[in-house]
Amino acid sequence: MISTSTPRFTAATGEAYDYTMTVDTRIFTADELLRLPDDGWRYELVEGELRRMSPAGAKHGAIIARILVRLGSHVEAHGLGQVYSSDTGFVLARNPDTVLAPDVGYVGRERVVENDEFFPGPPDVAFEVISPSDRYTEVEEKKDRYLSAGTPAVVVVDPRRLEVQVHRTSGVTNVTDTLTIDDLLPGWSMTLDDIFTTAR
């Protein structure tokens, strides 16, 4: 464990104060992450480093919920596979372990695994909705980790810019009107209006 003291400023007065943050520098495993006591925070694991995730804001959470409901209904109705909420961790790498939890994840029927552990492998589609606290570099890093681990498509939803992009190893598609991923989610679609209704 190490402690670092960083000058911070109050929003009201602009006065500086010391903020001491304790960082756990040891290497964690996926099994240890799964068994962490519930302290009200969500965590991910990046090459053994424990990373705490901020709770979602109302706008961010509403967009995720709309995607989850629309996608989940379609996948269930057509028996395509399984849709997972942001509570589900996907093991992308071992030794050191990387476990990421997309805002919405989808796995095709032939890869679905029923267990009480993290999903053993990457999702087939990962949806990441950028929150106000996210840096674009952080989202880019997560997207690259999904693709490197074998996720065929990563959908990045940006409420700030009202933009949606589908990332694949072959390149990036900018969604101009309707989001579709027919090779992985046949028959499913959402318009940008559907996705961003709560953001306007």
C-alpha atoms as a PDB file:
ATOM      1  CA  MET A   1       0.000   0.000   0.000  1.00  0.00           C
ATOM      2  CA  ILE A   2       1.220   3.504  -0.774  1.00  0.00           C
ATOM      3  CA  SER A   3      -0.218   6.907   0.100  1.00  0.00           C
ATOM      4  CA  THR A   4       0.057   9.940  -2.133  1.00  0.00           C
ATOM      5  CA  SER A   5      -0.812  13.502  -1.155  1.00  0.00           C
ATOM      6  CA  THR A   6      -2.268  15.594  -3.966  1.00  0.00           C
ATOM      7  CA  PRO A   7      -3.362  19.249  -3.776  1.00  0.00           C
ATOM      8  CA  ARG A   8      -7.074  19.624  -4.525  1.00  0.00           C
ATOM      9  CA  PHE A   9      -9.328  22.685  -4.577  1.00  0.00           C
ATOM     10  CA  THR A  10     -12.783  23.271  -3.171  1.00  0.00           C
ATOM     11  CA  ALA A  11     -15.379  24.147  -5.797  1.00  0.00           C
ATOM     12  CA  ALA A  12     -16.859  26.950  -3.725  1.00  0.00           C
ATOM     13  CA  THR A  13     -13.765  28.891  -2.610  1.00  0.00           C
ATOM     14  CA  GLY A  14     -10.920  27.640  -4.777  1.00  0.00           C
ATOM     15  CA  GLU A  15      -8.834  27.118  -1.645  1.00  0.00           C
ATOM     16  CA  ALA A  16      -6.290  24.323  -1.758  1.00  0.00           C
ATOM     17  CA  TYR A  17      -6.384  21.359   0.575  1.00  0.00           C
ATOM     18  CA  ASP A  18      -4.476  18.068   0.761  1.00  0.00           C
ATOM     19  CA  TYR A  19      -6.216  14.954  -0.417  1.00  0.00           C
ATOM     20  CA  THR A  20      -4.493  11.704   0.573  1.00  0.00           C
ATOM     21  CA  MET A  21      -5.319   8.688  -1.547  1.00  0.00           C
ATOM     22  CA  THR A  22      -4.348   5.131  -0.586  1.00  0.00           C
ATOM     23  CA  VAL A  23      -3.519   2.950  -3.573  1.00  0.00           C
ATOM     24  CA  ASP A  24      -3.240  -0.820  -3.363  1.00  0.00           C
ATOM     25  CA  THR A  25      -0.227  -1.652  -5.512  1.00  0.00           C
ATOM     26  CA  ARG A  26      -0.325  -5.435  -5.237  1.00  0.00           C
ATOM     27  CA  ILE A  27      -1.309  -7.648  -8.135  1.00  0.00           C
ATOM     28  CA  PHE A  28      -4.862  -8.992  -7.962  1.00  0.00           C
ATOM     29  CA  THR A  29      -6.289 -12.062  -9.676  1.00  0.00           C
ATOM     30  CA  ALA A  30      -9.744 -12.457 -11.192  1.00  0.00           C
ATOM     31  CA  ASP A  31     -10.702 -14.807  -8.346  1.00  0.00           C
ATOM     32  CA  GLU A  32      -9.702 -12.185  -5.764  1.00  0.00           C
ATOM     33  CA  LEU A  33     -11.683  -9.529  -7.616  1.00  0.00           C
ATOM     34  CA  LEU A  34     -14.772 -11.747  -7.648  1.00  0.00           C
ATOM     35  CA  ARG A  35     -14.544 -12.230  -3.901  1.00  0.00           C
ATOM     36  CA  LEU A  36     -13.979  -8.612  -2.889  1.00  0.00           C
ATOM     37  CA  PRO A  37     -16.451  -7.512  -0.212  1.00  0.00           C
ATOM     38  CA  ASP A  38     -19.242  -5.273  -1.461  1.00  0.00           C
ATOM     39  CA  ASP A  39     -18.319  -1.695  -0.580  1.00  0.00           C
ATOM     40  CA  GLY A  40     -20.786  -0.014  -2.936  1.00  0.00           C
ATOM     41  CA  TRP A  41     -18.252   0.461  -5.765  1.00  0.00           C
ATOM     42  CA  ARG A  42     -17.663  -1.438  -9.007  1.00  0.00           C
ATOM     43  CA  TYR A  43     -14.168  -2.588  -9.875  1.00  0.00           C
ATOM     44  CA  GLU A  44     -12.333  -3.774 -12.972  1.00  0.00           C
ATOM     45  CA  LEU A  45      -8.942  -5.415 -13.234  1.00  0.00           C
ATOM     46  CA  VAL A  46      -6.312  -4.330 -15.775  1.00  0.00           C
ATOM     47  CA  GLU A  47      -3.197  -6.510 -15.884  1.00  0.00           C
ATOM     48  CA  GLY A  48      -3.642  -7.241 -12.189  1.00  0.00           C
ATOM     49  CA  GLU A  49      -4.262  -3.587 -11.231  1.00  0.00           C
ATOM     50  CA  LEU A  50      -7.497  -2.934  -9.369  1.00  0.00           C
ATOM     51  CA  ARG A  51      -9.450   0.013 -10.811  1.00  0.00           C
ATOM     52  CA  ARG A  52     -12.473   1.516  -9.078  1.00  0.00           C
ATOM     53  CA  MET A  53     -15.345   2.628 -11.302  1.00  0.00           C
ATOM     54  CA  SER A  54     -17.490   5.656 -10.509  1.00  0.00           C
ATOM     55  CA  PRO A  55     -21.267   5.128 -10.265  1.00  0.00           C
ATOM     56  CA  ALA A  56     -23.205   6.085 -13.383  1.00  0.00           C
ATOM     57  CA  GLY A  57     -25.005   9.422 -13.611  1.00  0.00           C
ATOM     58  CA  ALA A  58     -28.708   9.522 -14.438  1.00  0.00           C
ATOM     59  CA  LYS A  59     -28.290  10.328 -18.160  1.00  0.00           C
ATOM     60  CA  HIS A  60     -25.554   7.723 -18.584  1.00  0.00           C
ATOM     61  CA  GLY A  61     -27.592   5.067 -16.766  1.00  0.00           C
ATOM     62  CA  ALA A  62     -30.729   5.808 -18.769  1.00  0.00           C
ATOM     63  CA  ILE A  63     -28.923   5.345 -22.086  1.00  0.00           C
ATOM     64  CA  ILE A  64     -27.459   2.045 -20.905  1.00  0.00           C
ATOM     65  CA  ALA A  65     -30.897   0.898 -19.764  1.00  0.00           C
ATOM     66  CA  ARG A  66     -32.472   1.724 -23.139  1.00  0.00           C
ATOM     67  CA  ILE A  67     -29.822  -0.299 -24.989  1.00  0.00           C
ATOM     68  CA  LEU A  68     -30.072  -3.162 -22.504  1.00  0.00           C
ATOM     69  CA  VAL A  69     -33.860  -3.387 -22.770  1.00  0.00           C
ATOM     70  CA  ARG A  70     -34.028  -3.113 -26.575  1.00  0.00           C
ATOM     71  CA  LEU A  71     -31.151  -5.512 -27.155  1.00  0.00           C
ATOM     72  CA  GLY A  72     -32.234  -7.969 -24.468  1.00  0.00           C
ATOM     73  CA  SER A  73     -35.779  -8.200 -25.825  1.00  0.00           C
ATOM     74  CA  HIS A  74     -34.541  -8.870 -29.365  1.00  0.00           C
ATOM     75  CA  VAL A  75     -31.936 -11.435 -28.346  1.00  0.00           C
ATOM     76  CA  GLU A  76     -34.410 -13.335 -26.165  1.00  0.00           C
ATOM     77  CA  ALA A  77     -37.189 -13.259 -28.764  1.00  0.00           C
ATOM     78  CA  HIS A  78     -34.898 -14.728 -31.437  1.00  0.00           C
ATOM     79  CA  GLY A  79     -32.841 -17.058 -29.249  1.00  0.00           C
ATOM     80  CA  LEU A  80     -29.585 -15.404 -30.287  1.00  0.00           C
ATOM     81  CA  GLY A  81     -27.659 -15.761 -27.040  1.00  0.00           C
ATOM     82  CA  GLN A  82     -27.351 -13.786 -23.812  1.00  0.00           C
ATOM     83  CA  VAL A  83     -27.187 -10.084 -22.907  1.00  0.00           C
ATOM     84  CA  TYR A  84     -25.302  -9.030 -19.782  1.00  0.00           C
ATOM     85  CA  SER A  85     -25.493  -5.914 -17.614  1.00  0.00           C
ATOM     86  CA  SER A  86     -22.521  -3.931 -16.327  1.00  0.00           C
ATOM     87  CA  ASP A  87     -22.414  -6.164 -13.242  1.00  0.00           C
ATOM     88  CA  THR A  88     -20.841  -8.929 -15.358  1.00  0.00           C
ATOM     89  CA  GLY A  89     -17.079  -9.178 -15.651  1.00  0.00           C
ATOM     90  CA  PHE A  90     -15.403 -10.699 -18.707  1.00  0.00           C
ATOM     91  CA  VAL A  91     -11.949 -12.243 -18.334  1.00  0.00           C
ATOM     92  CA  LEU A  92      -9.910 -10.876 -21.240  1.00  0.00           C
ATOM     93  CA  ALA A  93      -6.442 -12.048 -20.164  1.00  0.00           C
ATOM     94  CA  ARG A  94      -4.669 -14.173 -17.573  1.00  0.00           C
ATOM     95  CA  ASN A  95      -1.353 -13.870 -15.726  1.00  0.00           C
ATOM     96  CA  PRO A  96      -1.719 -11.005 -15.042  1.00  0.00           C
ATOM     97  CA  ASP A  97      -5.501 -11.003 -15.139  1.00  0.00           C
ATOM     98  CA  THR A  98      -7.640  -8.424 -16.930  1.00  0.00           C
ATOM     99  CA  VAL A  99     -11.372  -8.343 -16.174  1.00  0.00           C
ATOM    100  CA  LEU A 100     -13.551  -5.670 -17.793  1.00  0.00           C
ATOM    101  CA  ALA A 101     -17.275  -5.071 -17.381  1.00  0.00           C
ATOM    102  CA  PRO A 102     -18.874  -3.389 -20.409  1.00  0.00           C
ATOM    103  CA  ASP A 103     -21.957  -1.259 -19.874  1.00  0.00           C
ATOM    104  CA  VAL A 104     -23.812  -3.855 -21.965  1.00  0.00           C
ATOM    105  CA  GLY A 105     -22.314  -7.123 -23.182  1.00  0.00           C
ATOM    106  CA  TYR A 106     -23.604  -9.703 -25.659  1.00  0.00           C
ATOM    107  CA  VAL A 107     -22.487 -13.287 -26.208  1.00  0.00           C
ATOM    108  CA  GLY A 108     -23.820 -15.499 -29.004  1.00  0.00           C
ATOM    109  CA  ARG A 109     -25.717 -18.688 -28.166  1.00  0.00           C
ATOM    110  CA  GLU A 110     -22.837 -21.060 -28.949  1.00  0.00           C
ATOM    111  CA  ARG A 111     -20.544 -19.342 -26.417  1.00  0.00           C
ATOM    112  CA  VAL A 112     -22.969 -18.806 -23.524  1.00  0.00           C
ATOM    113  CA  VAL A 113     -21.685 -20.195 -20.219  1.00  0.00           C
ATOM    114  CA  GLU A 114     -23.841 -20.523 -17.114  1.00  0.00           C
ATOM    115  CA  ASN A 115     -21.740 -20.183 -13.963  1.00  0.00           C
ATOM    116  CA  ASP A 116     -21.227 -18.006 -10.897  1.00  0.00           C
ATOM    117  CA  GLU A 117     -17.767 -16.847 -11.957  1.00  0.00           C
ATOM    118  CA  PHE A 118     -16.731 -14.129 -14.381  1.00  0.00           C
ATOM    119  CA  PHE A 119     -17.413 -14.923 -18.022  1.00  0.00           C
ATOM    120  CA  PRO A 120     -14.376 -16.874 -19.298  1.00  0.00           C
ATOM    121  CA  GLY A 121     -13.499 -14.820 -22.351  1.00  0.00           C
ATOM    122  CA  PRO A 122     -14.468 -11.633 -24.171  1.00  0.00           C
ATOM    123  CA  PRO A 123     -17.993 -10.608 -25.179  1.00  0.00           C
ATOM    124  CA  ASP A 124     -18.996 -10.850 -28.833  1.00  0.00           C
ATOM    125  CA  VAL A 125     -20.232  -7.254 -28.659  1.00  0.00           C
ATOM    126  CA  ALA A 126     -19.227  -4.756 -25.968  1.00  0.00           C
ATOM    127  CA  PHE A 127     -21.149  -1.499 -25.527  1.00  0.00           C
ATOM    128  CA  GLU A 128     -19.336   1.323 -23.752  1.00  0.00           C
ATOM    129  CA  VAL A 129     -21.298   4.490 -22.958  1.00  0.00           C
ATOM    130  CA  ILE A 130     -18.940   7.359 -22.169  1.00  0.00           C
ATOM    131  CA  SER A 131     -19.744   8.946 -18.803  1.00  0.00           C
ATOM    132  CA  PRO A 132     -18.886  12.509 -17.719  1.00  0.00           C
ATOM    133  CA  SER A 133     -16.008  11.169 -15.606  1.00  0.00           C
ATOM    134  CA  ASP A 134     -14.484   9.084 -18.430  1.00  0.00           C
ATOM    135  CA  ARG A 135     -11.454  10.323 -20.327  1.00  0.00           C
ATOM    136  CA  TYR A 136     -11.485   9.534 -24.034  1.00  0.00           C
ATOM    137  CA  THR A 137      -8.053   7.922 -23.645  1.00  0.00           C
ATOM    138  CA  GLU A 138      -9.479   5.527 -21.042  1.00  0.00           C
ATOM    139  CA  VAL A 139     -12.334   4.515 -23.333  1.00  0.00           C
ATOM    140  CA  GLU A 140      -9.853   4.049 -26.189  1.00  0.00           C
ATOM    141  CA  GLU A 141      -7.744   1.787 -23.991  1.00  0.00           C
ATOM    142  CA  LYS A 142     -10.743  -0.351 -23.033  1.00  0.00           C
ATOM    143  CA  LYS A 143     -11.844  -0.597 -26.665  1.00  0.00           C
ATOM    144  CA  ASP A 144      -8.372  -1.764 -27.694  1.00  0.00           C
ATOM    145  CA  ARG A 145      -8.309  -4.382 -24.927  1.00  0.00           C
ATOM    146  CA  TYR A 146     -11.644  -5.834 -26.061  1.00  0.00           C
ATOM    147  CA  LEU A 147     -10.510  -6.040 -29.683  1.00  0.00           C
ATOM    148  CA  SER A 148      -7.128  -7.531 -28.770  1.00  0.00           C
ATOM    149  CA  ALA A 149      -8.879 -10.180 -26.661  1.00  0.00           C
ATOM    150  CA  GLY A 150     -11.076 -11.212 -29.610  1.00  0.00           C
ATOM    151  CA  THR A 151     -14.268  -9.158 -29.277  1.00  0.00           C
ATOM    152  CA  PRO A 152     -15.542  -8.774 -32.862  1.00  0.00           C
ATOM    153  CA  ALA A 153     -17.314  -5.426 -32.308  1.00  0.00           C
ATOM    154  CA  VAL A 154     -17.080  -2.660 -29.713  1.00  0.00           C
ATOM    155  CA  VAL A 155     -19.816  -0.014 -29.769  1.00  0.00           C
ATOM    156  CA  VAL A 156     -18.783   3.314 -28.251  1.00  0.00           C
ATOM    157  CA  VAL A 157     -21.683   5.630 -27.407  1.00  0.00           C
ATOM    158  CA  ASP A 158     -20.775   9.260 -26.764  1.00  0.00           C
ATOM    159  CA  PRO A 159     -23.612  11.271 -25.145  1.00  0.00           C
ATOM    160  CA  ARG A 160     -21.470  14.432 -25.119  1.00  0.00           C
ATOM    161  CA  ARG A 161     -21.202  14.514 -28.903  1.00  0.00           C
ATOM    162  CA  LEU A 162     -24.337  12.471 -29.659  1.00  0.00           C
ATOM    163  CA  GLU A 163     -22.166  10.061 -31.645  1.00  0.00           C
ATOM    164  CA  VAL A 164     -21.983   6.276 -31.951  1.00  0.00           C
ATOM    165  CA  GLN A 165     -19.080   4.338 -33.451  1.00  0.00           C
ATOM    166  CA  VAL A 166     -18.668   0.619 -34.115  1.00  0.00           C
ATOM    167  CA  HIS A 167     -15.045  -0.458 -33.756  1.00  0.00           C
ATOM    168  CA  ARG A 168     -13.650  -3.629 -35.293  1.00  0.00           C
ATOM    169  CA  THR A 169     -10.120  -4.801 -35.972  1.00  0.00           C
ATOM    170  CA  SER A 170     -10.792  -3.900 -39.622  1.00  0.00           C
ATOM    171  CA  GLY A 171     -11.708  -0.287 -38.861  1.00  0.00           C
ATOM    172  CA  VAL A 172     -14.327   2.103 -37.487  1.00  0.00           C
ATOM    173  CA  THR A 173     -17.876   2.755 -38.674  1.00  0.00           C
ATOM    174  CA  ASN A 174     -19.528   6.057 -37.748  1.00  0.00           C
ATOM    175  CA  VAL A 175     -23.252   5.525 -37.266  1.00  0.00           C
ATOM    176  CA  THR A 176     -25.140   8.270 -39.088  1.00  0.00           C
ATOM    177  CA  ASP A 177     -28.744   7.233 -38.404  1.00  0.00           C
ATOM    178  CA  THR A 178     -29.311   3.621 -37.292  1.00  0.00           C
ATOM    179  CA  LEU A 179     -27.031   1.278 -35.346  1.00  0.00           C
ATOM    180  CA  THR A 180     -26.958  -2.252 -36.767  1.00  0.00           C
ATOM    181  CA  ILE A 181     -24.531  -5.157 -36.336  1.00  0.00           C
ATOM    182  CA  ASP A 182     -26.175  -7.686 -38.622  1.00  0.00           C
ATOM    183  CA  ASP A 183     -23.379 -10.263 -38.672  1.00  0.00           C
ATOM    184  CA  LEU A 184     -23.497 -10.604 -34.893  1.00  0.00           C
ATOM    185  CA  LEU A 185     -27.017  -9.392 -34.032  1.00  0.00           C
ATOM    186  CA  PRO A 186     -29.193 -10.182 -37.050  1.00  0.00           C
ATOM    187  CA  GLY A 187     -32.370  -8.113 -37.239  1.00  0.00           C
ATOM    188  CA  TRP A 188     -31.537  -5.792 -34.337  1.00  0.00           C
ATOM    189  CA  SER A 189     -31.273  -2.026 -34.718  1.00  0.00           C
ATOM    190  CA  MET A 190     -31.534   1.226 -32.766  1.00  0.00           C
ATOM    191  CA  THR A 191     -31.712   4.692 -34.249  1.00  0.00           C
ATOM    192  CA  LEU A 192     -29.603   7.478 -32.801  1.00  0.00           C
ATOM    193  CA  ASP A 193     -32.860   9.124 -31.705  1.00  0.00           C
ATOM    194  CA  ASP A 194     -33.747   5.961 -29.767  1.00  0.00           C
ATOM    195  CA  ILE A 195     -30.337   5.887 -28.088  1.00  0.00           C
ATOM    196  CA  PHE A 196     -30.074   9.577 -27.212  1.00  0.00           C
ATOM    197  CA  THR A 197     -33.696  10.486 -26.397  1.00  0.00           C
ATOM    198  CA  THR A 198     -32.776  10.829 -22.714  1.00  0.00           C
ATOM    199  CA  ALA A 199     -29.664  12.870 -23.555  1.00  0.00           C
ATOM    200  CA  ARG A 200     -31.497  15.752 -25.197  1.00  0.00           C
END
